[in-house]
Amino acid sequence: MKYHPIRLQIAFFLSAVDFTSKFKIAALVRESAGNLLDVDPLLLPLGADSPPDFPHIIIRNESKGWAFQMAPARFDLAVELDSQQRDGNRRQLTEVISTTALSIWNGLKTGFGARAHRLGLITTIASEMENAPEALRQRFLNTVYGSGAHETQLHFLHKLENEGFSLNRWVRLKALPANETWPARLVMEVDINTVAEQPIEVTDSAIQKFLSVADQQTQQTIRDYLAE
């Protein structure tokens, strides 16, 4: 089955950060990401009583598909491809987003005392398919009850140990009809993150090791679920 990446996202779950100057943080992020996030940031005037994972800083470069957002409890870096960018290389994109996220993290760690206890990598791919709901039904459900479905979603959660990490691996399969932007397609999201119950020490080496493990898990998941 031929597929292409449509979105990649890296998440750092923060245990500490000096969040007193959002402007300085935004400036550091823009500098660390180079021209990928060279746009004006949106700084939201939220108080200390706002939810800890609600973003205060949003930097979105619509023309290049890159976005960053940060809350006191986490920051996320993502790249999203539009419907015309169907020749994107997943491994290459993973490398670029990993390098950029590590650069941002080192700046936050050095300049704002950032510490983190969890990591996540979310990869979304898509394959054009005229009747994706029927393909999912026949492959995973094998029941008449899903016959003729307009849209289908299946979610799987795996718990696993790999290279010293305790991981959640969410696999989300979505069979979606055509719309004004995209053709009919099968979308697969692989969300791999370290478990909240077992915090890790997030160092540069731990980040690189996690991203390598998560990329391997993503490749294996694609083979397991989408191989002919």
N, C-alpha and C. Protein backbone atom coordinates (compact mmCIF):
# COMPACT_ATOMS: atom_id res chain seq x y z
N MET A 1 0.85 -1.20 0.00
CA MET A 1 0.00 0.00 0.00
C MET A 1 0.89 1.25 0.00
N LYS A 2 0.66 2.12 -0.96
CA LYS A 2 1.46 3.34 -1.03
C LYS A 2 0.87 4.40 -0.12
N TYR A 3 1.70 5.00 0.72
CA TYR A 3 1.23 6.02 1.64
C TYR A 3 2.21 7.19 1.66
N HIS A 4 1.78 8.30 2.21
CA HIS A 4 2.65 9.47 2.33
C HIS A 4 2.39 10.15 3.68
N PRO A 5 3.41 10.80 4.23
CA PRO A 5 3.21 11.48 5.52
C PRO A 5 2.37 12.74 5.33
N ILE A 6 1.52 13.02 6.31
CA ILE A 6 0.77 14.28 6.27
C ILE A 6 1.02 15.14 7.52
N ARG A 7 1.52 14.52 8.60
CA ARG A 7 1.79 15.30 9.80
C ARG A 7 2.76 14.56 10.72
N LEU A 8 3.70 15.31 11.31
CA LEU A 8 4.57 14.78 12.35
C LEU A 8 4.56 15.75 13.52
N GLN A 9 4.64 15.22 14.72
CA GLN A 9 4.60 16.06 15.92
C GLN A 9 5.48 15.45 17.00
N ILE A 10 6.26 16.28 17.66
CA ILE A 10 7.06 15.88 18.82
C ILE A 10 6.56 16.65 20.03
N ALA A 11 6.39 15.94 21.15
CA ALA A 11 5.89 16.56 22.38
C ALA A 11 6.89 16.35 23.51
N PHE A 12 7.15 17.43 24.27
CA PHE A 12 7.94 17.37 25.49
C PHE A 12 7.00 17.72 26.65
N PHE A 13 6.89 16.84 27.61
CA PHE A 13 6.03 17.08 28.78
C PHE A 13 6.91 17.64 29.90
N LEU A 14 6.64 18.88 30.28
CA LEU A 14 7.53 19.63 31.15
C LEU A 14 7.21 19.42 32.63
N SER A 15 8.26 19.32 33.42
CA SER A 15 8.11 19.28 34.88
C SER A 15 8.54 20.60 35.51
N ALA A 16 9.29 21.42 34.76
CA ALA A 16 9.72 22.73 35.27
C ALA A 16 10.11 23.61 34.08
N VAL A 17 9.82 24.92 34.21
CA VAL A 17 10.27 25.90 33.22
C VAL A 17 9.97 27.30 33.78
N ASP A 18 10.87 28.23 33.53
CA ASP A 18 10.65 29.62 33.92
C ASP A 18 9.79 30.27 32.85
N PHE A 19 8.51 30.43 33.17
CA PHE A 19 7.53 30.89 32.18
C PHE A 19 7.17 32.37 32.37
N THR A 20 8.05 33.12 33.03
CA THR A 20 7.71 34.51 33.37
C THR A 20 7.79 35.45 32.16
N SER A 21 8.60 35.10 31.16
CA SER A 21 8.71 35.96 29.99
C SER A 21 8.38 35.16 28.73
N LYS A 22 7.13 35.22 28.32
CA LYS A 22 6.71 34.51 27.11
C LYS A 22 7.38 35.09 25.87
N PHE A 23 7.59 36.39 25.88
CA PHE A 23 8.21 37.03 24.73
C PHE A 23 9.63 36.49 24.51
N LYS A 24 10.41 36.36 25.59
CA LYS A 24 11.78 35.86 25.47
C LYS A 24 11.80 34.40 25.02
N ILE A 25 10.85 33.62 25.53
CA ILE A 25 10.76 32.22 25.11
C ILE A 25 10.45 32.15 23.61
N ALA A 26 9.48 32.95 23.17
CA ALA A 26 9.10 32.95 21.75
C ALA A 26 10.29 33.36 20.87
N ALA A 27 11.05 34.35 21.31
CA ALA A 27 12.21 34.80 20.55
C ALA A 27 13.25 33.69 20.44
N LEU A 28 13.46 32.97 21.53
CA LEU A 28 14.42 31.87 21.52
C LEU A 28 13.96 30.75 20.58
N VAL A 29 12.67 30.43 20.62
CA VAL A 29 12.14 29.37 19.77
C VAL A 29 12.32 29.74 18.30
N ARG A 30 11.98 30.97 17.95
CA ARG A 30 12.13 31.41 16.56
C ARG A 30 13.58 31.30 16.11
N GLU A 31 14.50 31.72 16.97
CA GLU A 31 15.92 31.66 16.62
C GLU A 31 16.38 30.21 16.48
N SER A 32 15.93 29.35 17.39
CA SER A 32 16.35 27.95 17.38
C SER A 32 15.83 27.20 16.16
N ALA A 33 14.65 27.59 15.68
CA ALA A 33 14.03 26.89 14.55
C ALA A 33 14.40 27.49 13.20
N GLY A 34 15.17 28.56 13.19
CA GLY A 34 15.56 29.18 11.93
C GLY A 34 14.36 29.68 11.15
N ASN A 35 14.39 29.51 9.83
CA ASN A 35 13.30 30.06 9.00
C ASN A 35 12.03 29.22 9.05
N LEU A 36 12.04 28.09 9.75
CA LEU A 36 10.84 27.26 9.83
C LEU A 36 9.72 27.95 10.61
N LEU A 37 10.10 28.78 11.59
CA LEU A 37 9.11 29.47 12.43
C LEU A 37 9.37 30.98 12.43
N ASP A 38 9.78 31.49 11.30
CA ASP A 38 10.12 32.92 11.19
C ASP A 38 8.87 33.75 10.93
N VAL A 39 7.97 33.76 11.91
CA VAL A 39 6.73 34.52 11.84
C VAL A 39 6.46 35.12 13.23
N ASP A 40 5.53 36.06 13.29
CA ASP A 40 5.20 36.67 14.57
C ASP A 40 4.48 35.68 15.47
N PRO A 41 4.90 35.60 16.74
CA PRO A 41 4.24 34.67 17.67
C PRO A 41 2.93 35.24 18.20
N LEU A 42 2.05 34.36 18.62
CA LEU A 42 0.83 34.74 19.31
C LEU A 42 1.04 34.42 20.79
N LEU A 43 1.00 35.45 21.63
CA LEU A 43 1.20 35.29 23.07
C LEU A 43 -0.14 35.54 23.77
N LEU A 44 -0.65 34.52 24.41
CA LEU A 44 -1.97 34.62 25.04
C LEU A 44 -1.83 35.06 26.50
N PRO A 45 -2.61 36.07 26.91
CA PRO A 45 -2.51 36.60 28.28
C PRO A 45 -3.27 35.73 29.28
N LEU A 46 -2.80 34.53 29.51
CA LEU A 46 -3.49 33.60 30.41
C LEU A 46 -2.86 33.67 31.80
N GLY A 47 -3.68 33.52 32.80
CA GLY A 47 -3.21 33.60 34.17
C GLY A 47 -2.69 32.27 34.70
N ALA A 48 -2.21 32.32 35.93
CA ALA A 48 -1.64 31.14 36.55
C ALA A 48 -2.69 30.07 36.82
N ASP A 49 -3.97 30.45 36.84
CA ASP A 49 -5.03 29.49 37.12
C ASP A 49 -5.56 28.78 35.87
N SER A 50 -4.97 29.07 34.71
CA SER A 50 -5.40 28.40 33.48
C SER A 50 -4.87 26.96 33.48
N PRO A 51 -5.51 26.06 32.73
CA PRO A 51 -5.04 24.66 32.69
C PRO A 51 -3.57 24.59 32.28
N PRO A 52 -2.76 23.77 32.94
CA PRO A 52 -1.31 23.76 32.70
C PRO A 52 -0.91 23.32 31.29
N ASP A 53 -1.80 22.61 30.60
CA ASP A 53 -1.45 22.16 29.24
C ASP A 53 -2.11 23.01 28.16
N PHE A 54 -2.73 24.13 28.55
CA PHE A 54 -3.34 25.05 27.58
C PHE A 54 -2.25 25.98 27.04
N PRO A 55 -2.06 26.05 25.72
CA PRO A 55 -0.93 26.81 25.17
C PRO A 55 -1.01 28.31 25.43
N HIS A 56 0.10 28.88 25.87
CA HIS A 56 0.25 30.33 26.05
C HIS A 56 0.98 30.96 24.88
N ILE A 57 1.80 30.16 24.20
CA ILE A 57 2.62 30.65 23.08
C ILE A 57 2.32 29.81 21.86
N ILE A 58 1.95 30.46 20.76
CA ILE A 58 1.68 29.76 19.50
C ILE A 58 2.45 30.46 18.39
N ILE A 59 3.25 29.69 17.67
CA ILE A 59 3.99 30.22 16.52
C ILE A 59 3.67 29.31 15.35
N ARG A 60 2.99 29.85 14.36
CA ARG A 60 2.51 29.02 13.25
C ARG A 60 2.92 29.64 11.91
N ASN A 61 3.73 28.92 11.17
CA ASN A 61 4.15 29.36 9.85
C ASN A 61 3.27 28.63 8.82
N GLU A 62 2.18 29.26 8.44
CA GLU A 62 1.21 28.62 7.56
C GLU A 62 1.81 28.25 6.20
N SER A 63 2.69 29.09 5.67
CA SER A 63 3.23 28.86 4.33
C SER A 63 4.14 27.64 4.28
N LYS A 64 4.78 27.30 5.40
CA LYS A 64 5.70 26.16 5.41
C LYS A 64 5.14 24.97 6.17
N GLY A 65 4.00 25.16 6.84
CA GLY A 65 3.36 24.04 7.52
C GLY A 65 3.92 23.73 8.90
N TRP A 66 4.78 24.58 9.45
CA TRP A 66 5.39 24.33 10.75
C TRP A 66 4.64 25.08 11.84
N ALA A 67 4.56 24.46 13.01
CA ALA A 67 3.86 25.09 14.14
C ALA A 67 4.51 24.68 15.45
N PHE A 68 4.53 25.62 16.38
CA PHE A 68 5.04 25.39 17.74
C PHE A 68 4.02 25.94 18.70
N GLN A 69 3.76 25.22 19.77
CA GLN A 69 2.95 25.78 20.84
C GLN A 69 3.48 25.30 22.18
N MET A 70 3.34 26.17 23.18
CA MET A 70 3.92 25.87 24.49
C MET A 70 2.98 26.28 25.60
N ALA A 71 2.86 25.40 26.57
CA ALA A 71 2.12 25.63 27.80
C ALA A 71 3.08 25.39 28.95
N PRO A 72 2.71 25.76 30.17
CA PRO A 72 3.61 25.48 31.30
C PRO A 72 3.93 23.99 31.45
N ALA A 73 3.03 23.10 31.00
CA ALA A 73 3.22 21.67 31.21
C ALA A 73 3.77 20.92 30.00
N ARG A 74 3.85 21.58 28.82
CA ARG A 74 4.35 20.87 27.64
C ARG A 74 4.62 21.84 26.50
N PHE A 75 5.45 21.38 25.56
CA PHE A 75 5.54 22.08 24.29
C PHE A 75 5.52 21.07 23.16
N ASP A 76 4.98 21.51 22.03
CA ASP A 76 4.82 20.65 20.85
C ASP A 76 5.38 21.36 19.63
N LEU A 77 6.07 20.59 18.82
CA LEU A 77 6.55 21.07 17.53
C LEU A 77 5.96 20.15 16.47
N ALA A 78 5.36 20.72 15.43
CA ALA A 78 4.70 19.90 14.41
C ALA A 78 4.95 20.46 13.03
N VAL A 79 4.93 19.56 12.05
CA VAL A 79 4.97 19.95 10.64
C VAL A 79 3.83 19.23 9.94
N GLU A 80 3.09 19.97 9.12
CA GLU A 80 1.92 19.42 8.44
C GLU A 80 2.05 19.68 6.95
N LEU A 81 1.84 18.64 6.14
CA LEU A 81 1.93 18.76 4.70
C LEU A 81 0.54 18.93 4.11
N ASP A 82 0.43 19.72 3.06
CA ASP A 82 -0.89 19.90 2.44
C ASP A 82 -1.13 18.82 1.39
N SER A 83 -2.29 18.86 0.78
CA SER A 83 -2.69 17.79 -0.14
C SER A 83 -1.84 17.74 -1.41
N GLN A 84 -1.08 18.79 -1.68
CA GLN A 84 -0.23 18.81 -2.87
C GLN A 84 1.15 18.22 -2.60
N GLN A 85 1.50 18.08 -1.32
CA GLN A 85 2.84 17.59 -0.96
C GLN A 85 2.78 16.09 -0.67
N ARG A 86 2.49 15.32 -1.70
CA ARG A 86 2.28 13.88 -1.50
C ARG A 86 3.55 13.06 -1.70
N ASP A 87 4.66 13.71 -1.94
CA ASP A 87 5.90 12.98 -2.14
C ASP A 87 6.84 13.17 -0.95
N GLY A 88 6.30 13.60 0.21
CA GLY A 88 7.13 13.82 1.39
C GLY A 88 7.76 12.52 1.87
N ASN A 89 9.00 12.62 2.33
CA ASN A 89 9.74 11.47 2.84
C ASN A 89 9.61 11.44 4.36
N ARG A 90 8.97 10.41 4.91
CA ARG A 90 8.72 10.37 6.35
C ARG A 90 10.02 10.35 7.16
N ARG A 91 10.97 9.55 6.74
CA ARG A 91 12.23 9.46 7.49
C ARG A 91 12.96 10.80 7.48
N GLN A 92 12.94 11.46 6.33
CA GLN A 92 13.61 12.75 6.21
C GLN A 92 12.93 13.81 7.08
N LEU A 93 11.60 13.82 7.05
CA LEU A 93 10.85 14.76 7.89
C LEU A 93 11.10 14.50 9.37
N THR A 94 11.15 13.23 9.75
CA THR A 94 11.42 12.87 11.15
C THR A 94 12.77 13.39 11.59
N GLU A 95 13.75 13.29 10.69
CA GLU A 95 15.09 13.78 11.01
C GLU A 95 15.09 15.29 11.22
N VAL A 96 14.41 16.01 10.34
CA VAL A 96 14.39 17.47 10.43
C VAL A 96 13.66 17.93 11.71
N ILE A 97 12.50 17.34 11.97
CA ILE A 97 11.74 17.78 13.14
C ILE A 97 12.46 17.39 14.44
N SER A 98 13.16 16.25 14.43
CA SER A 98 13.91 15.84 15.61
C SER A 98 15.05 16.80 15.90
N THR A 99 15.80 17.17 14.87
CA THR A 99 16.92 18.10 15.04
C THR A 99 16.43 19.46 15.53
N THR A 100 15.32 19.93 14.96
CA THR A 100 14.77 21.23 15.35
C THR A 100 14.24 21.21 16.77
N ALA A 101 13.54 20.14 17.15
CA ALA A 101 13.01 20.03 18.52
C ALA A 101 14.14 19.98 19.54
N LEU A 102 15.21 19.29 19.21
CA LEU A 102 16.35 19.20 20.13
C LEU A 102 17.01 20.56 20.30
N SER A 103 17.09 21.34 19.22
CA SER A 103 17.66 22.69 19.30
C SER A 103 16.80 23.58 20.19
N ILE A 104 15.48 23.51 20.03
CA ILE A 104 14.58 24.30 20.88
C ILE A 104 14.70 23.86 22.33
N TRP A 105 14.73 22.56 22.56
CA TRP A 105 14.84 22.03 23.92
C TRP A 105 16.11 22.52 24.62
N ASN A 106 17.24 22.47 23.92
CA ASN A 106 18.50 22.91 24.53
C ASN A 106 18.45 24.39 24.88
N GLY A 107 17.79 25.20 24.04
CA GLY A 107 17.64 26.61 24.35
C GLY A 107 16.76 26.83 25.57
N LEU A 108 15.66 26.11 25.66
CA LEU A 108 14.76 26.24 26.82
C LEU A 108 15.43 25.74 28.09
N LYS A 109 16.21 24.69 27.97
CA LYS A 109 16.89 24.12 29.13
C LYS A 109 17.94 25.07 29.67
N THR A 110 18.72 25.65 28.75
CA THR A 110 19.80 26.56 29.15
C THR A 110 19.27 27.91 29.61
N GLY A 111 18.32 28.46 28.86
CA GLY A 111 17.86 29.83 29.13
C GLY A 111 16.73 29.95 30.11
N PHE A 112 15.94 28.87 30.28
CA PHE A 112 14.73 28.99 31.10
C PHE A 112 14.56 27.83 32.08
N GLY A 113 15.64 27.10 32.31
CA GLY A 113 15.61 26.03 33.31
C GLY A 113 14.60 24.94 33.04
N ALA A 114 14.33 24.66 31.77
CA ALA A 114 13.32 23.65 31.44
C ALA A 114 13.78 22.26 31.83
N ARG A 115 12.84 21.50 32.37
CA ARG A 115 13.04 20.09 32.66
C ARG A 115 11.82 19.33 32.16
N ALA A 116 12.01 18.11 31.73
CA ALA A 116 10.89 17.33 31.20
C ALA A 116 10.95 15.91 31.76
N HIS A 117 9.79 15.23 31.77
CA HIS A 117 9.71 13.88 32.32
C HIS A 117 9.05 12.88 31.39
N ARG A 118 8.56 13.36 30.24
CA ARG A 118 7.94 12.47 29.25
C ARG A 118 8.21 13.00 27.85
N LEU A 119 8.15 12.09 26.88
CA LEU A 119 8.35 12.45 25.48
C LEU A 119 7.30 11.75 24.62
N GLY A 120 7.01 12.34 23.46
CA GLY A 120 6.07 11.72 22.54
C GLY A 120 6.42 12.02 21.09
N LEU A 121 6.14 11.08 20.22
CA LEU A 121 6.29 11.26 18.77
C LEU A 121 5.00 10.77 18.12
N ILE A 122 4.36 11.64 17.34
CA ILE A 122 3.11 11.30 16.67
C ILE A 122 3.33 11.45 15.16
N THR A 123 3.11 10.36 14.44
CA THR A 123 3.29 10.33 13.00
C THR A 123 1.97 10.00 12.33
N THR A 124 1.56 10.82 11.38
CA THR A 124 0.31 10.59 10.66
C THR A 124 0.62 10.41 9.18
N ILE A 125 0.13 9.30 8.62
CA ILE A 125 0.33 9.02 7.20
C ILE A 125 -1.03 8.79 6.55
N ALA A 126 -1.07 8.83 5.22
CA ALA A 126 -2.33 8.63 4.51
C ALA A 126 -2.09 7.89 3.22
N SER A 127 -3.10 7.15 2.81
CA SER A 127 -3.07 6.44 1.53
C SER A 127 -4.38 6.70 0.82
N GLU A 128 -4.31 7.15 -0.42
CA GLU A 128 -5.53 7.37 -1.18
C GLU A 128 -6.22 6.04 -1.44
N MET A 129 -7.50 5.97 -1.12
CA MET A 129 -8.24 4.72 -1.25
C MET A 129 -9.71 5.05 -1.44
N GLU A 130 -10.30 4.57 -2.51
CA GLU A 130 -11.66 4.96 -2.85
C GLU A 130 -12.67 4.51 -1.80
N ASN A 131 -12.52 3.30 -1.27
CA ASN A 131 -13.48 2.80 -0.28
C ASN A 131 -12.73 2.31 0.95
N ALA A 132 -12.11 3.23 1.66
CA ALA A 132 -11.33 2.88 2.84
C ALA A 132 -12.19 2.26 3.96
N PRO A 133 -13.41 2.74 4.22
CA PRO A 133 -14.23 2.09 5.25
C PRO A 133 -14.43 0.60 5.00
N GLU A 134 -14.66 0.24 3.73
CA GLU A 134 -14.86 -1.18 3.40
C GLU A 134 -13.56 -1.96 3.58
N ALA A 135 -12.43 -1.34 3.23
CA ALA A 135 -11.14 -2.01 3.40
C ALA A 135 -10.86 -2.30 4.87
N LEU A 136 -11.16 -1.32 5.75
CA LEU A 136 -10.98 -1.54 7.19
C LEU A 136 -11.92 -2.62 7.70
N ARG A 137 -13.16 -2.58 7.24
CA ARG A 137 -14.14 -3.57 7.71
C ARG A 137 -13.68 -4.98 7.36
N GLN A 138 -13.26 -5.18 6.12
CA GLN A 138 -12.87 -6.52 5.68
C GLN A 138 -11.60 -7.00 6.37
N ARG A 139 -10.69 -6.06 6.63
CA ARG A 139 -9.40 -6.48 7.20
C ARG A 139 -9.45 -6.68 8.71
N PHE A 140 -10.14 -5.77 9.42
CA PHE A 140 -10.06 -5.79 10.87
C PHE A 140 -11.36 -6.20 11.57
N LEU A 141 -12.48 -6.06 10.90
CA LEU A 141 -13.76 -6.33 11.56
C LEU A 141 -14.41 -7.63 11.05
N ASN A 142 -14.37 -7.83 9.74
CA ASN A 142 -14.94 -9.04 9.14
C ASN A 142 -16.36 -9.30 9.63
N THR A 143 -17.16 -8.26 9.61
CA THR A 143 -18.54 -8.37 10.07
C THR A 143 -19.43 -7.54 9.16
N VAL A 144 -20.67 -7.95 9.03
CA VAL A 144 -21.59 -7.24 8.15
C VAL A 144 -22.02 -5.90 8.72
N TYR A 145 -21.81 -5.68 10.03
CA TYR A 145 -22.36 -4.48 10.66
C TYR A 145 -21.71 -3.19 10.17
N GLY A 146 -20.48 -3.29 9.66
CA GLY A 146 -19.83 -2.09 9.15
C GLY A 146 -20.01 -1.89 7.66
N SER A 147 -20.77 -2.76 7.03
CA SER A 147 -20.93 -2.68 5.58
C SER A 147 -21.63 -1.38 5.18
N GLY A 148 -21.09 -0.71 4.17
CA GLY A 148 -21.68 0.52 3.68
C GLY A 148 -21.40 1.74 4.53
N ALA A 149 -20.46 1.65 5.46
CA ALA A 149 -20.15 2.79 6.33
C ALA A 149 -19.57 3.96 5.51
N HIS A 150 -19.95 5.17 5.91
CA HIS A 150 -19.44 6.37 5.25
C HIS A 150 -18.06 6.72 5.79
N GLU A 151 -17.84 6.44 7.05
CA GLU A 151 -16.57 6.75 7.72
C GLU A 151 -16.36 5.74 8.83
N THR A 152 -15.11 5.32 9.02
CA THR A 152 -14.80 4.30 10.03
C THR A 152 -13.54 4.70 10.79
N GLN A 153 -13.53 4.46 12.10
CA GLN A 153 -12.34 4.70 12.91
C GLN A 153 -12.11 3.50 13.83
N LEU A 154 -10.86 3.06 13.89
CA LEU A 154 -10.45 1.99 14.79
C LEU A 154 -9.26 2.49 15.61
N HIS A 155 -9.29 2.25 16.93
CA HIS A 155 -8.20 2.67 17.80
C HIS A 155 -7.65 1.46 18.54
N PHE A 156 -6.32 1.37 18.60
CA PHE A 156 -5.66 0.27 19.32
C PHE A 156 -4.62 0.88 20.26
N LEU A 157 -4.56 0.39 21.48
CA LEU A 157 -3.52 0.81 22.43
C LEU A 157 -2.65 -0.39 22.77
N HIS A 158 -1.35 -0.24 22.56
CA HIS A 158 -0.38 -1.27 22.93
C HIS A 158 0.46 -0.72 24.08
N LYS A 159 0.76 -1.57 25.05
CA LYS A 159 1.70 -1.25 26.13
C LYS A 159 2.94 -2.10 25.90
N LEU A 160 4.12 -1.48 25.88
CA LEU A 160 5.32 -2.25 25.59
C LEU A 160 6.55 -1.67 26.26
N GLU A 161 7.55 -2.52 26.39
CA GLU A 161 8.87 -2.13 26.89
C GLU A 161 9.85 -2.22 25.72
N ASN A 162 10.65 -1.18 25.55
CA ASN A 162 11.59 -1.18 24.43
C ASN A 162 12.79 -0.31 24.77
N GLU A 163 13.97 -0.91 24.75
CA GLU A 163 15.23 -0.18 24.98
C GLU A 163 15.20 0.62 26.28
N GLY A 164 14.58 0.04 27.32
CA GLY A 164 14.54 0.71 28.61
C GLY A 164 13.40 1.70 28.79
N PHE A 165 12.58 1.89 27.76
CA PHE A 165 11.43 2.79 27.84
C PHE A 165 10.14 1.99 28.04
N SER A 166 9.27 2.48 28.92
CA SER A 166 7.91 1.97 29.02
C SER A 166 7.04 2.86 28.15
N LEU A 167 6.38 2.27 27.16
CA LEU A 167 5.73 3.06 26.12
C LEU A 167 4.25 2.75 25.99
N ASN A 168 3.49 3.80 25.64
CA ASN A 168 2.15 3.64 25.07
C ASN A 168 2.31 3.77 23.56
N ARG A 169 1.65 2.88 22.82
CA ARG A 169 1.63 3.02 21.36
C ARG A 169 0.17 3.00 20.92
N TRP A 170 -0.35 4.18 20.63
CA TRP A 170 -1.70 4.30 20.10
C TRP A 170 -1.65 4.20 18.59
N VAL A 171 -2.50 3.36 18.02
CA VAL A 171 -2.64 3.27 16.58
C VAL A 171 -4.09 3.64 16.26
N ARG A 172 -4.26 4.69 15.46
CA ARG A 172 -5.59 5.16 15.10
C ARG A 172 -5.74 5.08 13.58
N LEU A 173 -6.70 4.31 13.14
CA LEU A 173 -6.98 4.16 11.71
C LEU A 173 -8.29 4.86 11.40
N LYS A 174 -8.27 5.75 10.43
CA LYS A 174 -9.46 6.54 10.08
C LYS A 174 -9.70 6.45 8.58
N ALA A 175 -10.83 5.90 8.20
CA ALA A 175 -11.22 5.84 6.80
C ALA A 175 -12.13 7.02 6.52
N LEU A 176 -11.66 7.96 5.70
CA LEU A 176 -12.35 9.23 5.53
C LEU A 176 -12.79 9.42 4.08
N PRO A 177 -13.98 10.00 3.88
CA PRO A 177 -14.45 10.27 2.52
C PRO A 177 -13.72 11.48 1.93
N ALA A 178 -13.89 11.68 0.66
CA ALA A 178 -13.28 12.84 -0.01
C ALA A 178 -13.93 14.13 0.47
N ASN A 179 -13.14 15.21 0.47
CA ASN A 179 -13.69 16.54 0.74
C ASN A 179 -13.06 17.53 -0.24
N GLU A 180 -13.26 18.83 0.00
CA GLU A 180 -12.79 19.81 -0.96
C GLU A 180 -11.26 19.91 -1.00
N THR A 181 -10.59 19.37 0.02
CA THR A 181 -9.13 19.46 0.10
C THR A 181 -8.44 18.14 -0.23
N TRP A 182 -9.00 17.04 0.27
CA TRP A 182 -8.35 15.74 0.16
C TRP A 182 -9.23 14.75 -0.60
N PRO A 183 -8.61 13.80 -1.30
CA PRO A 183 -9.37 12.69 -1.87
C PRO A 183 -9.76 11.69 -0.77
N ALA A 184 -10.60 10.73 -1.10
CA ALA A 184 -10.92 9.66 -0.14
C ALA A 184 -9.62 8.97 0.24
N ARG A 185 -9.47 8.66 1.55
CA ARG A 185 -8.18 8.13 1.98
C ARG A 185 -8.30 7.34 3.28
N LEU A 186 -7.29 6.55 3.52
CA LEU A 186 -7.11 5.87 4.79
C LEU A 186 -6.01 6.59 5.54
N VAL A 187 -6.32 7.09 6.72
CA VAL A 187 -5.35 7.83 7.54
C VAL A 187 -4.94 6.97 8.72
N MET A 188 -3.65 6.94 8.99
CA MET A 188 -3.13 6.19 10.13
C MET A 188 -2.28 7.11 11.00
N GLU A 189 -2.59 7.14 12.28
CA GLU A 189 -1.82 7.93 13.24
C GLU A 189 -1.17 6.99 14.23
N VAL A 190 0.15 7.11 14.36
CA VAL A 190 0.91 6.30 15.32
C VAL A 190 1.45 7.26 16.38
N ASP A 191 0.92 7.13 17.59
CA ASP A 191 1.25 8.02 18.71
C ASP A 191 2.02 7.21 19.74
N ILE A 192 3.31 7.49 19.85
CA ILE A 192 4.17 6.75 20.78
C ILE A 192 4.66 7.71 21.84
N ASN A 193 4.40 7.39 23.11
CA ASN A 193 4.84 8.26 24.20
C ASN A 193 5.23 7.45 25.42
N THR A 194 6.12 8.02 26.21
CA THR A 194 6.52 7.36 27.46
C THR A 194 5.38 7.51 28.47
N VAL A 195 5.22 6.52 29.33
CA VAL A 195 4.06 6.49 30.21
C VAL A 195 4.21 7.49 31.35
N ALA A 196 3.08 8.08 31.75
CA ALA A 196 3.10 9.09 32.81
C ALA A 196 3.48 8.49 34.16
N GLU A 197 3.16 7.21 34.37
CA GLU A 197 3.41 6.57 35.66
C GLU A 197 4.89 6.32 35.93
N GLN A 198 5.71 6.39 34.89
CA GLN A 198 7.15 6.16 35.04
C GLN A 198 7.92 7.30 34.40
N PRO A 199 8.06 8.43 35.10
CA PRO A 199 8.79 9.57 34.55
C PRO A 199 10.23 9.18 34.19
N ILE A 200 10.75 9.82 33.17
CA ILE A 200 12.13 9.57 32.76
C ILE A 200 12.94 10.85 32.92
N GLU A 201 14.24 10.71 32.94
CA GLU A 201 15.12 11.87 32.94
C GLU A 201 15.39 12.25 31.49
N VAL A 202 14.90 13.39 31.08
CA VAL A 202 15.01 13.81 29.68
C VAL A 202 16.34 14.54 29.48
N THR A 203 17.30 13.82 28.95
CA THR A 203 18.59 14.37 28.56
C THR A 203 18.70 14.31 27.04
N ASP A 204 19.75 14.93 26.49
CA ASP A 204 19.93 14.88 25.04
C ASP A 204 20.02 13.45 24.54
N SER A 205 20.78 12.61 25.26
CA SER A 205 20.93 11.23 24.83
C SER A 205 19.61 10.47 24.95
N ALA A 206 18.83 10.75 26.00
CA ALA A 206 17.54 10.09 26.17
C ALA A 206 16.58 10.50 25.05
N ILE A 207 16.61 11.77 24.65
CA ILE A 207 15.75 12.25 23.56
C ILE A 207 16.11 11.53 22.26
N GLN A 208 17.39 11.49 21.95
CA GLN A 208 17.82 10.85 20.70
C GLN A 208 17.48 9.36 20.70
N LYS A 209 17.67 8.71 21.86
CA LYS A 209 17.36 7.29 21.95
C LYS A 209 15.85 7.06 21.81
N PHE A 210 15.05 7.89 22.48
CA PHE A 210 13.59 7.74 22.37
C PHE A 210 13.12 7.93 20.94
N LEU A 211 13.62 8.97 20.28
CA LEU A 211 13.18 9.24 18.91
C LEU A 211 13.57 8.10 17.97
N SER A 212 14.73 7.50 18.20
CA SER A 212 15.14 6.36 17.40
C SER A 212 14.21 5.17 17.64
N VAL A 213 13.91 4.90 18.91
CA VAL A 213 12.99 3.80 19.26
C VAL A 213 11.60 4.07 18.68
N ALA A 214 11.11 5.30 18.84
CA ALA A 214 9.77 5.65 18.35
C ALA A 214 9.69 5.53 16.84
N ASP A 215 10.76 5.92 16.14
CA ASP A 215 10.77 5.80 14.69
C ASP A 215 10.75 4.33 14.27
N GLN A 216 11.50 3.49 14.96
CA GLN A 216 11.49 2.06 14.66
C GLN A 216 10.10 1.47 14.91
N GLN A 217 9.48 1.86 16.03
CA GLN A 217 8.14 1.38 16.34
C GLN A 217 7.13 1.84 15.29
N THR A 218 7.31 3.07 14.81
CA THR A 218 6.41 3.59 13.77
C THR A 218 6.54 2.77 12.49
N GLN A 219 7.77 2.51 12.08
CA GLN A 219 7.99 1.70 10.88
C GLN A 219 7.36 0.32 11.03
N GLN A 220 7.57 -0.30 12.19
CA GLN A 220 7.04 -1.64 12.41
C GLN A 220 5.51 -1.62 12.41
N THR A 221 4.93 -0.59 13.00
CA THR A 221 3.47 -0.48 13.05
C THR A 221 2.89 -0.32 11.65
N ILE A 222 3.54 0.48 10.84
CA ILE A 222 3.08 0.64 9.45
C ILE A 222 3.11 -0.69 8.73
N ARG A 223 4.21 -1.44 8.91
CA ARG A 223 4.30 -2.76 8.26
C ARG A 223 3.21 -3.70 8.78
N ASP A 224 2.99 -3.69 10.09
CA ASP A 224 2.04 -4.62 10.68
C ASP A 224 0.61 -4.34 10.24
N TYR A 225 0.25 -3.06 10.16
CA TYR A 225 -1.15 -2.71 9.92
C TYR A 225 -1.48 -2.45 8.46
N LEU A 226 -0.50 -2.04 7.67
CA LEU A 226 -0.81 -1.62 6.30
C LEU A 226 -0.18 -2.48 5.22
N ALA A 227 0.62 -3.48 5.61
CA ALA A 227 1.22 -4.33 4.59
C ALA A 227 0.14 -5.10 3.85
N GLU A 228 0.38 -5.32 2.58
CA GLU A 228 -0.60 -6.05 1.76
C GLU A 228 -0.70 -7.50 2.23
